[in-house]
Amino acid sequence: MPIEFALSQNVVAPLSSPLRDIPTKAKEEKGISILFINRTGSTLTSLQVSPAKTRRWNFNLLDKDLLDGQERSIKVSEGRSECRRDIRATFSNGSTVEDFDVDVCKNDIYTFTVVGLW
């Protein structure tokens, strides 16, 4: 039976994120980055982020695997003002999780966790 993963989005206080202090125009020019955290007990091998509702996945954004317990800031938008994204993650055990219509302008931390059995 495959491991079931859960996804959580965290809203961070404005002082925690340097992107939130940048005026909107400058933020759009720099793009949007998300801090991805892996707390699954498994290695994250592929991370794809696409504009919401495009029905296709972009290329793998990971330059190397994201091990359990690691975190990494990854640019998910190249200067576009599109805040809604679909996220797909694949793990070393073959499990894949997808989350749709995530507001990456409001949520700049994204945590992968294992669903509890209790």
N, C-alpha and C. Protein backbone atom coordinates (compact mmCIF):
# COMPACT_ATOMS: atom_id res chain seq x y z
N MET A 1 0.85 -1.17 0.00
CA MET A 1 0.00 0.00 0.00
C MET A 1 0.90 1.24 0.00
N PRO A 2 0.70 2.17 -0.95
CA PRO A 2 1.55 3.35 -1.01
C PRO A 2 1.31 4.27 0.18
N ILE A 3 2.33 5.01 0.53
CA ILE A 3 2.22 5.99 1.61
C ILE A 3 1.37 7.15 1.12
N GLU A 4 0.49 7.62 1.98
CA GLU A 4 -0.35 8.76 1.63
C GLU A 4 0.29 10.02 2.17
N PHE A 5 0.44 11.02 1.33
CA PHE A 5 1.07 12.27 1.73
C PHE A 5 0.03 13.36 1.88
N ALA A 6 0.31 14.28 2.75
CA ALA A 6 -0.55 15.46 2.93
C ALA A 6 0.24 16.69 2.54
N LEU A 7 -0.46 17.70 2.16
CA LEU A 7 0.16 18.95 1.76
C LEU A 7 -0.37 20.04 2.67
N SER A 8 0.46 20.96 3.05
CA SER A 8 -0.05 22.09 3.84
C SER A 8 0.56 23.37 3.32
N GLN A 9 -0.26 24.39 3.32
CA GLN A 9 0.18 25.70 2.89
C GLN A 9 0.21 26.58 4.13
N ASN A 10 1.27 27.32 4.30
CA ASN A 10 1.41 28.19 5.46
C ASN A 10 1.46 29.63 5.02
N VAL A 11 0.70 30.45 5.70
CA VAL A 11 0.78 31.88 5.45
C VAL A 11 1.79 32.44 6.43
N VAL A 12 2.75 33.17 5.93
CA VAL A 12 3.83 33.68 6.76
C VAL A 12 3.62 35.17 6.99
N ALA A 13 3.96 35.62 8.19
CA ALA A 13 3.83 37.04 8.52
C ALA A 13 4.64 37.88 7.55
N PRO A 14 4.19 39.08 7.24
CA PRO A 14 4.87 39.92 6.24
C PRO A 14 6.36 40.12 6.48
N LEU A 15 6.81 40.22 7.72
CA LEU A 15 8.23 40.45 7.97
C LEU A 15 9.09 39.22 7.70
N SER A 16 8.47 38.06 7.56
CA SER A 16 9.22 36.82 7.34
C SER A 16 9.67 36.66 5.90
N SER A 17 9.03 37.35 5.00
CA SER A 17 9.33 37.14 3.59
C SER A 17 9.78 38.45 2.94
N PRO A 18 11.01 38.48 2.43
CA PRO A 18 11.47 39.71 1.79
C PRO A 18 10.64 40.09 0.57
N LEU A 19 10.02 39.11 -0.10
CA LEU A 19 9.22 39.42 -1.28
C LEU A 19 7.98 40.23 -0.92
N ARG A 20 7.48 40.08 0.28
CA ARG A 20 6.26 40.79 0.67
C ARG A 20 6.52 42.28 0.89
N ASP A 21 7.75 42.67 1.11
CA ASP A 21 8.08 44.07 1.35
C ASP A 21 8.38 44.82 0.06
N ILE A 22 8.46 44.12 -1.04
CA ILE A 22 8.79 44.73 -2.32
C ILE A 22 7.49 45.18 -2.98
N PRO A 23 7.45 46.38 -3.53
CA PRO A 23 6.24 46.82 -4.24
C PRO A 23 5.85 45.82 -5.32
N THR A 24 4.56 45.78 -5.64
CA THR A 24 4.02 44.79 -6.57
C THR A 24 4.77 44.74 -7.89
N LYS A 25 5.06 45.87 -8.50
CA LYS A 25 5.74 45.88 -9.80
C LYS A 25 7.12 45.22 -9.70
N ALA A 26 7.87 45.56 -8.67
CA ALA A 26 9.20 44.96 -8.48
C ALA A 26 9.07 43.47 -8.19
N LYS A 27 8.06 43.08 -7.42
CA LYS A 27 7.85 41.67 -7.10
C LYS A 27 7.57 40.88 -8.38
N GLU A 28 6.76 41.45 -9.27
CA GLU A 28 6.46 40.77 -10.53
C GLU A 28 7.71 40.61 -11.37
N GLU A 29 8.61 41.60 -11.36
CA GLU A 29 9.84 41.52 -12.14
C GLU A 29 10.77 40.44 -11.59
N LYS A 30 10.81 40.26 -10.28
CA LYS A 30 11.69 39.28 -9.67
C LYS A 30 11.10 37.88 -9.67
N GLY A 31 9.80 37.75 -9.81
CA GLY A 31 9.16 36.46 -9.76
C GLY A 31 8.75 36.10 -8.34
N ILE A 32 8.18 34.92 -8.21
CA ILE A 32 7.68 34.46 -6.91
C ILE A 32 8.41 33.19 -6.52
N SER A 33 8.93 33.15 -5.30
CA SER A 33 9.61 31.96 -4.78
C SER A 33 8.81 31.39 -3.62
N ILE A 34 8.85 30.08 -3.49
CA ILE A 34 8.18 29.36 -2.41
C ILE A 34 9.23 28.55 -1.67
N LEU A 35 9.13 28.50 -0.35
CA LEU A 35 9.98 27.62 0.45
C LEU A 35 9.26 26.29 0.56
N PHE A 36 9.81 25.24 -0.07
CA PHE A 36 9.25 23.90 0.00
C PHE A 36 9.96 23.13 1.10
N ILE A 37 9.18 22.48 1.97
CA ILE A 37 9.71 21.71 3.10
C ILE A 37 9.25 20.27 2.95
N ASN A 38 10.20 19.34 3.07
CA ASN A 38 9.89 17.91 2.97
C ASN A 38 9.93 17.27 4.35
N ARG A 39 8.77 16.86 4.85
CA ARG A 39 8.67 16.16 6.13
C ARG A 39 7.89 14.87 5.95
N THR A 40 8.25 14.11 4.92
CA THR A 40 7.49 12.92 4.57
C THR A 40 8.14 11.61 4.98
N GLY A 41 9.43 11.64 5.28
CA GLY A 41 10.15 10.40 5.51
C GLY A 41 10.63 9.78 4.21
N SER A 42 10.37 10.44 3.09
CA SER A 42 10.76 9.95 1.78
C SER A 42 11.44 11.09 1.02
N THR A 43 12.23 10.75 0.02
CA THR A 43 12.93 11.75 -0.78
C THR A 43 12.03 12.29 -1.88
N LEU A 44 11.97 13.60 -2.01
CA LEU A 44 11.22 14.25 -3.08
C LEU A 44 12.15 14.31 -4.30
N THR A 45 11.75 13.64 -5.39
CA THR A 45 12.61 13.53 -6.56
C THR A 45 12.21 14.45 -7.72
N SER A 46 10.96 14.89 -7.72
CA SER A 46 10.50 15.76 -8.80
C SER A 46 9.45 16.73 -8.26
N LEU A 47 9.55 17.98 -8.68
CA LEU A 47 8.60 19.01 -8.28
C LEU A 47 8.23 19.80 -9.52
N GLN A 48 6.95 19.78 -9.86
CA GLN A 48 6.47 20.49 -11.03
C GLN A 48 5.42 21.51 -10.59
N VAL A 49 5.54 22.73 -11.06
CA VAL A 49 4.60 23.79 -10.74
C VAL A 49 4.18 24.44 -12.06
N SER A 50 2.87 24.46 -12.29
CA SER A 50 2.34 25.01 -13.54
C SER A 50 1.25 26.03 -13.24
N PRO A 51 1.00 26.94 -14.17
CA PRO A 51 -0.14 27.83 -13.97
C PRO A 51 -1.41 27.00 -13.77
N ALA A 52 -2.27 27.44 -12.87
CA ALA A 52 -3.48 26.68 -12.55
C ALA A 52 -4.33 26.45 -13.80
N LYS A 53 -4.91 25.27 -13.84
CA LYS A 53 -5.89 24.89 -14.87
C LYS A 53 -5.32 24.82 -16.28
N THR A 54 -4.00 24.66 -16.44
CA THR A 54 -3.44 24.55 -17.78
C THR A 54 -3.50 23.12 -18.31
N ARG A 55 -3.73 22.15 -17.42
CA ARG A 55 -3.86 20.73 -17.78
C ARG A 55 -2.57 20.13 -18.34
N ARG A 56 -1.45 20.74 -18.04
CA ARG A 56 -0.16 20.14 -18.39
C ARG A 56 0.85 20.56 -17.33
N TRP A 57 1.86 19.72 -17.15
CA TRP A 57 2.86 19.98 -16.11
C TRP A 57 4.13 20.53 -16.73
N ASN A 58 4.71 21.53 -16.09
CA ASN A 58 6.01 22.06 -16.50
C ASN A 58 7.11 21.10 -16.10
N PHE A 59 8.34 21.43 -16.43
CA PHE A 59 9.50 20.59 -16.15
C PHE A 59 9.77 20.52 -14.64
N ASN A 60 10.63 19.58 -14.26
CA ASN A 60 11.03 19.39 -12.86
C ASN A 60 11.86 20.59 -12.40
N LEU A 61 11.43 21.23 -11.31
CA LEU A 61 12.13 22.41 -10.79
C LEU A 61 13.30 22.08 -9.87
N LEU A 62 13.43 20.82 -9.47
CA LEU A 62 14.51 20.44 -8.56
C LEU A 62 15.81 20.22 -9.32
N ASP A 63 16.88 20.87 -8.89
CA ASP A 63 18.19 20.62 -9.49
C ASP A 63 18.83 19.39 -8.84
N LYS A 64 18.37 19.03 -7.63
CA LYS A 64 18.77 17.79 -6.96
C LYS A 64 17.64 17.41 -6.01
N ASP A 65 17.62 16.14 -5.61
CA ASP A 65 16.55 15.64 -4.74
C ASP A 65 16.44 16.45 -3.46
N LEU A 66 15.22 16.53 -2.93
CA LEU A 66 14.97 17.19 -1.65
C LEU A 66 14.72 16.08 -0.63
N LEU A 67 15.73 15.84 0.20
CA LEU A 67 15.67 14.76 1.18
C LEU A 67 14.69 15.08 2.30
N ASP A 68 14.25 14.04 3.01
CA ASP A 68 13.38 14.24 4.17
C ASP A 68 14.07 15.17 5.16
N GLY A 69 13.33 16.15 5.67
CA GLY A 69 13.88 17.11 6.62
C GLY A 69 14.51 18.33 5.99
N GLN A 70 14.70 18.31 4.68
CA GLN A 70 15.31 19.45 4.00
C GLN A 70 14.25 20.45 3.54
N GLU A 71 14.70 21.65 3.28
CA GLU A 71 13.84 22.68 2.72
C GLU A 71 14.63 23.44 1.66
N ARG A 72 13.90 23.99 0.70
CA ARG A 72 14.57 24.71 -0.39
C ARG A 72 13.64 25.78 -0.96
N SER A 73 14.17 26.96 -1.19
CA SER A 73 13.41 28.03 -1.82
C SER A 73 13.53 27.87 -3.33
N ILE A 74 12.39 27.85 -4.01
CA ILE A 74 12.37 27.61 -5.45
C ILE A 74 11.49 28.66 -6.12
N LYS A 75 11.99 29.26 -7.18
CA LYS A 75 11.21 30.23 -7.95
C LYS A 75 10.14 29.48 -8.74
N VAL A 76 8.88 29.86 -8.54
CA VAL A 76 7.77 29.19 -9.22
C VAL A 76 7.11 30.08 -10.26
N SER A 77 7.52 31.33 -10.34
CA SER A 77 6.95 32.25 -11.30
C SER A 77 8.03 33.20 -11.78
N GLU A 78 8.19 33.30 -13.07
CA GLU A 78 9.22 34.17 -13.66
C GLU A 78 8.65 35.55 -13.98
N GLY A 79 8.29 36.30 -12.94
CA GLY A 79 7.85 37.66 -13.16
C GLY A 79 6.41 37.81 -13.60
N ARG A 80 5.66 36.74 -13.65
CA ARG A 80 4.26 36.84 -14.03
C ARG A 80 3.43 37.19 -12.81
N SER A 81 2.31 37.81 -13.05
CA SER A 81 1.44 38.18 -11.93
C SER A 81 0.42 37.08 -11.63
N GLU A 82 0.54 35.93 -12.26
CA GLU A 82 -0.39 34.82 -12.02
C GLU A 82 -0.09 34.20 -10.67
N CYS A 83 -1.01 34.32 -9.74
CA CYS A 83 -0.79 33.81 -8.39
C CYS A 83 -1.22 32.36 -8.22
N ARG A 84 -2.13 31.89 -9.03
CA ARG A 84 -2.68 30.54 -8.87
C ARG A 84 -1.82 29.52 -9.62
N ARG A 85 -1.40 28.47 -8.89
CA ARG A 85 -0.53 27.44 -9.46
C ARG A 85 -1.03 26.05 -9.07
N ASP A 86 -0.72 25.07 -9.91
CA ASP A 86 -0.92 23.66 -9.59
C ASP A 86 0.44 23.08 -9.25
N ILE A 87 0.49 22.22 -8.23
CA ILE A 87 1.76 21.66 -7.76
C ILE A 87 1.68 20.14 -7.81
N ARG A 88 2.73 19.53 -8.35
CA ARG A 88 2.83 18.06 -8.42
C ARG A 88 4.19 17.65 -7.89
N ALA A 89 4.18 16.70 -6.94
CA ALA A 89 5.43 16.21 -6.35
C ALA A 89 5.50 14.70 -6.51
N THR A 90 6.69 14.20 -6.85
CA THR A 90 6.92 12.76 -6.97
C THR A 90 8.03 12.38 -6.01
N PHE A 91 7.84 11.25 -5.32
CA PHE A 91 8.77 10.80 -4.29
C PHE A 91 9.49 9.53 -4.72
N SER A 92 10.59 9.24 -4.04
CA SER A 92 11.44 8.10 -4.39
C SER A 92 10.72 6.76 -4.27
N ASN A 93 9.66 6.70 -3.49
CA ASN A 93 8.91 5.44 -3.35
C ASN A 93 7.84 5.29 -4.43
N GLY A 94 7.79 6.23 -5.38
CA GLY A 94 6.84 6.16 -6.48
C GLY A 94 5.54 6.91 -6.25
N SER A 95 5.31 7.39 -5.04
CA SER A 95 4.09 8.14 -4.75
C SER A 95 4.12 9.51 -5.42
N THR A 96 2.97 9.95 -5.88
CA THR A 96 2.82 11.27 -6.47
C THR A 96 1.64 11.97 -5.81
N VAL A 97 1.82 13.24 -5.49
CA VAL A 97 0.72 14.04 -4.94
C VAL A 97 0.55 15.28 -5.80
N GLU A 98 -0.69 15.73 -5.91
CA GLU A 98 -1.00 16.91 -6.68
C GLU A 98 -1.89 17.83 -5.85
N ASP A 99 -1.66 19.11 -5.96
CA ASP A 99 -2.48 20.12 -5.29
C ASP A 99 -2.79 21.18 -6.33
N PHE A 100 -4.06 21.56 -6.40
CA PHE A 100 -4.50 22.44 -7.47
C PHE A 100 -4.95 23.81 -6.95
N ASP A 101 -4.74 24.81 -7.78
CA ASP A 101 -5.20 26.17 -7.53
C ASP A 101 -4.64 26.76 -6.24
N VAL A 102 -3.36 26.59 -6.03
CA VAL A 102 -2.67 27.12 -4.84
C VAL A 102 -2.32 28.59 -5.09
N ASP A 103 -2.65 29.45 -4.14
CA ASP A 103 -2.32 30.87 -4.26
C ASP A 103 -0.90 31.10 -3.75
N VAL A 104 0.06 31.16 -4.66
CA VAL A 104 1.46 31.31 -4.28
C VAL A 104 1.83 32.74 -3.90
N CYS A 105 0.93 33.68 -4.13
CA CYS A 105 1.18 35.06 -3.70
C CYS A 105 0.89 35.21 -2.20
N LYS A 106 -0.03 34.41 -1.68
CA LYS A 106 -0.38 34.47 -0.26
C LYS A 106 0.34 33.43 0.57
N ASN A 107 0.74 32.33 -0.03
CA ASN A 107 1.38 31.22 0.68
C ASN A 107 2.80 31.05 0.18
N ASP A 108 3.78 31.47 0.96
CA ASP A 108 5.16 31.37 0.49
C ASP A 108 5.95 30.26 1.18
N ILE A 109 5.24 29.41 1.93
CA ILE A 109 5.84 28.19 2.49
C ILE A 109 4.90 27.04 2.17
N TYR A 110 5.46 25.94 1.68
CA TYR A 110 4.66 24.78 1.31
C TYR A 110 5.32 23.55 1.91
N THR A 111 4.59 22.81 2.75
CA THR A 111 5.15 21.67 3.48
C THR A 111 4.51 20.37 3.02
N PHE A 112 5.34 19.38 2.71
CA PHE A 112 4.87 18.03 2.41
C PHE A 112 5.02 17.21 3.69
N THR A 113 3.92 16.56 4.14
CA THR A 113 3.95 15.71 5.33
C THR A 113 3.24 14.40 5.04
N VAL A 114 3.44 13.40 5.91
CA VAL A 114 2.77 12.11 5.78
C VAL A 114 1.45 12.19 6.54
N VAL A 115 0.40 11.65 5.93
CA VAL A 115 -0.89 11.58 6.61
C VAL A 115 -0.78 10.58 7.75
N GLY A 116 -1.22 10.97 8.93
CA GLY A 116 -1.16 10.09 10.09
C GLY A 116 -2.15 8.94 10.00
N LEU A 117 -1.83 7.86 10.66
CA LEU A 117 -2.69 6.68 10.67
C LEU A 117 -3.57 6.64 11.91
N TRP A 118 -3.56 7.67 12.73
CA TRP A 118 -4.36 7.67 13.95
C TRP A 118 -5.60 8.49 13.81
